[in-house]
Amino acid sequence: KQTDAVFESSFERTLDAVWLFDPKAGVFVDCNEAAVSLIGATNKEQVLQLRPEQLSPEIQPDGIRSVDHTAEIIALVEKHKNHRFEWMMRHMDGRDVPLEVSCTAIVLDGRSINVAIARDITERRKAEQESRELNQLLERRVAERTAALTTSEARFRALVENASDAIVVF
């Protein structure tokens, strides 16, 4: 009973979205308020009994259909008892939200359940994109500066090599 109370307290109070997923039925059977908030639902009832692909764009960023990807993930969790992956979820307002998900198979009340803990990684993705853009900008600037130095060196070399007077550098 104490373990149940700890689980219930952790389940409801964690900042991460937690979903209880029935892999046999293919539907969510419970979730915490963080999950409800993450997808922009008004209550749990709006979310429960939905399939993951119903809360996702038809195609995931890797080009695989969400329904096919769901089946792959269920099989991986069943085989390895856990799996970590990224998933694109569709918020109720229509925008796509990238998630990092950790899914673990457990037995709860005598049935197999997958506990999926999801975290919004929108800010991380934005920072990664900004970093890539800054790196590209720096690479362009280095290439431009290298080209300018190469041109300047070639002009200076041509001036020295073709000068009719003696040139001495101290």
Protein backbone atom coordinates (compact mmCIF):
# COMPACT_ATOMS: atom_id res chain seq x y z
CA LYS A 1 0.00 0.00 0.00
CA GLN A 2 2.87 2.36 0.75
CA THR A 3 4.38 1.61 -2.68
CA ASP A 4 1.02 2.33 -4.30
CA ALA A 5 0.82 5.66 -2.49
CA VAL A 6 4.36 6.60 -3.57
CA PHE A 7 3.58 5.64 -7.18
CA GLU A 8 0.32 7.59 -7.15
CA SER A 9 1.99 10.65 -5.63
CA SER A 10 4.90 10.51 -8.10
CA PHE A 11 2.54 9.92 -11.00
CA GLU A 12 0.42 12.97 -10.27
CA ARG A 13 3.09 15.40 -9.03
CA THR A 14 5.90 14.93 -11.54
CA LEU A 15 6.51 17.79 -13.96
CA ASP A 16 6.90 15.36 -16.86
CA ALA A 17 3.92 14.00 -18.72
CA VAL A 18 3.24 10.39 -17.70
CA TRP A 19 1.01 8.12 -19.74
CA LEU A 20 -0.13 4.61 -18.91
CA PHE A 21 -0.53 2.77 -22.18
CA ASP A 22 -2.16 -0.61 -22.75
CA PRO A 23 -0.06 -2.21 -25.51
CA LYS A 24 -2.65 -4.94 -26.16
CA ALA A 25 -5.55 -2.51 -26.69
CA GLY A 26 -3.26 0.16 -28.12
CA VAL A 27 -4.80 2.97 -26.04
CA PHE A 28 -3.90 5.24 -23.16
CA VAL A 29 -5.62 4.09 -19.97
CA ASP A 30 -4.43 6.86 -17.66
CA CYS A 31 -2.26 9.96 -17.62
CA ASN A 32 -1.28 12.68 -15.20
CA GLU A 33 -2.25 16.35 -15.34
CA ALA A 34 1.13 17.22 -16.91
CA ALA A 35 0.17 15.02 -19.89
CA VAL A 36 -3.23 16.69 -20.16
CA SER A 37 -1.51 20.09 -20.11
CA LEU A 38 1.21 19.02 -22.57
CA ILE A 39 -1.29 18.26 -25.31
CA GLY A 40 -3.62 21.13 -24.45
CA ALA A 41 -6.58 18.97 -23.44
CA THR A 42 -9.12 20.23 -20.94
CA ASN A 43 -9.29 16.99 -18.93
CA LYS A 44 -8.11 13.36 -18.81
CA GLU A 45 -11.30 12.04 -20.36
CA GLN A 46 -10.45 13.92 -23.55
CA VAL A 47 -7.19 11.93 -23.78
CA LEU A 48 -8.00 8.48 -22.44
CA GLN A 49 -8.90 5.68 -24.85
CA LEU A 50 -7.02 7.48 -27.65
CA ARG A 51 -4.25 5.83 -29.61
CA PRO A 52 -0.82 7.56 -29.76
CA GLU A 53 -1.22 8.15 -33.50
CA GLN A 54 -4.45 10.07 -32.81
CA LEU A 55 -2.38 12.57 -30.82
CA SER A 56 0.29 12.83 -33.53
CA PRO A 57 0.79 14.02 -37.07
CA GLU A 58 0.19 11.29 -39.66
CA ILE A 59 3.91 11.13 -40.50
CA GLN A 60 6.73 11.39 -37.94
CA PRO A 61 9.83 13.52 -38.78
CA ASP A 62 11.76 10.38 -39.80
CA GLY A 63 9.21 9.79 -42.59
CA ILE A 64 7.49 6.82 -40.93
CA ARG A 65 3.73 6.89 -40.43
CA SER A 66 2.81 7.41 -36.77
CA VAL A 67 0.66 4.26 -36.73
CA ASP A 68 3.58 2.14 -38.01
CA HIS A 69 6.03 3.81 -35.63
CA THR A 70 3.70 3.07 -32.71
CA ALA A 71 3.70 -0.64 -33.59
CA GLU A 72 7.53 -0.64 -33.79
CA ILE A 73 7.86 1.03 -30.40
CA ILE A 74 5.38 -1.37 -28.77
CA ALA A 75 7.42 -4.30 -30.12
CA LEU A 76 10.71 -2.78 -28.88
CA VAL A 77 9.30 -2.16 -25.40
CA GLU A 78 7.92 -5.68 -25.28
CA LYS A 79 11.28 -7.14 -26.34
CA HIS A 80 13.65 -4.98 -24.24
CA LYS A 81 11.23 -3.95 -21.45
CA ASN A 82 12.13 -0.29 -22.07
CA HIS A 83 12.89 2.07 -24.92
CA ARG A 84 13.87 5.73 -25.30
CA PHE A 85 12.86 7.64 -28.43
CA GLU A 86 11.78 10.97 -29.86
CA TRP A 87 8.21 11.51 -30.97
CA MET A 88 6.28 14.32 -32.60
CA MET A 89 2.97 14.98 -30.88
CA ARG A 90 0.16 17.18 -32.16
CA HIS A 91 -1.08 19.73 -29.62
CA MET A 92 -4.83 20.36 -29.50
CA ASP A 93 -4.19 23.79 -31.08
CA GLY A 94 -2.72 22.04 -34.13
CA ARG A 95 0.99 22.73 -33.61
CA ASP A 96 3.49 19.88 -33.52
CA VAL A 97 5.48 19.40 -30.31
CA PRO A 98 8.71 17.36 -30.26
CA LEU A 99 8.98 15.00 -27.30
CA GLU A 100 11.67 12.86 -25.74
CA VAL A 101 9.95 9.73 -24.44
CA SER A 102 11.10 6.96 -22.14
CA CYS A 103 8.81 3.93 -22.15
CA THR A 104 8.99 1.07 -19.65
CA ALA A 105 6.94 -2.13 -19.48
CA ILE A 106 5.47 -2.92 -16.04
CA VAL A 107 2.77 -5.17 -14.63
CA LEU A 108 -0.01 -3.18 -13.01
CA ASP A 109 -3.00 -4.91 -11.43
CA GLY A 110 -2.09 -8.11 -13.25
CA ARG A 111 -1.89 -6.66 -16.73
CA SER A 112 0.99 -5.47 -18.89
CA ILE A 113 1.18 -1.68 -19.07
CA ASN A 114 3.72 0.63 -20.66
CA VAL A 115 4.63 3.69 -18.62
CA ALA A 116 5.63 6.46 -21.02
CA ILE A 117 7.30 9.55 -19.56
CA ALA A 118 7.43 12.40 -22.05
CA ARG A 119 9.21 15.73 -22.00
CA ASP A 120 8.70 18.65 -24.39
CA ILE A 121 12.03 19.31 -26.14
CA THR A 122 10.91 22.35 -28.17
CA GLU A 123 13.39 24.67 -26.47
CA ARG A 124 16.23 22.17 -26.89
CA ARG A 125 15.43 21.84 -30.59
CA LYS A 126 15.33 25.62 -30.94
CA ALA A 127 18.73 25.96 -29.24
CA GLU A 128 20.18 23.20 -31.45
CA GLN A 129 18.88 24.99 -34.57
CA GLU A 130 20.34 28.31 -33.41
CA SER A 131 23.66 26.59 -32.74
CA ARG A 132 23.66 25.04 -36.24
CA GLU A 133 22.85 28.42 -37.79
CA LEU A 134 25.64 30.14 -35.82
CA ASN A 135 28.12 27.43 -36.84
CA GLN A 136 27.14 27.88 -40.50
CA LEU A 137 27.53 31.64 -40.16
CA LEU A 138 30.98 31.23 -38.60
CA GLU A 139 32.02 28.78 -41.31
CA ARG A 140 30.90 31.26 -44.00
CA ARG A 141 32.81 34.10 -42.29
CA VAL A 142 35.96 31.98 -41.99
CA ALA A 143 35.68 31.02 -45.68
CA GLU A 144 35.14 34.68 -46.68
CA ARG A 145 38.08 35.85 -44.54
CA THR A 146 40.30 33.06 -45.86
CA ALA A 147 39.40 34.05 -49.44
CA ALA A 148 40.13 37.72 -48.68
CA LEU A 149 43.50 36.83 -47.12
CA THR A 150 44.37 34.58 -50.04
CA THR A 151 43.57 37.39 -52.49
CA SER A 152 45.56 39.92 -50.47
CA GLU A 153 48.52 37.54 -50.22
CA ALA A 154 48.42 36.89 -53.98
CA ARG A 155 48.43 40.66 -54.71
CA PHE A 156 51.29 41.25 -52.29
CA ARG A 157 53.27 38.31 -53.74
CA ALA A 158 52.69 39.59 -57.31
CA LEU A 159 53.83 43.08 -56.27
CA VAL A 160 57.02 41.75 -54.65
CA GLU A 161 57.86 39.25 -57.38
CA ASN A 162 57.28 41.73 -60.22
CA ALA A 163 58.87 44.82 -58.66
CA SER A 164 61.80 46.22 -60.61
CA ASP A 165 63.32 47.65 -57.44
CA ALA A 166 64.81 45.64 -54.58
CA ILE A 167 62.46 45.14 -51.63
CA VAL A 168 63.78 44.35 -48.18
CA VAL A 169 61.57 43.43 -45.23
CA PHE A 170 62.98 44.19 -41.75
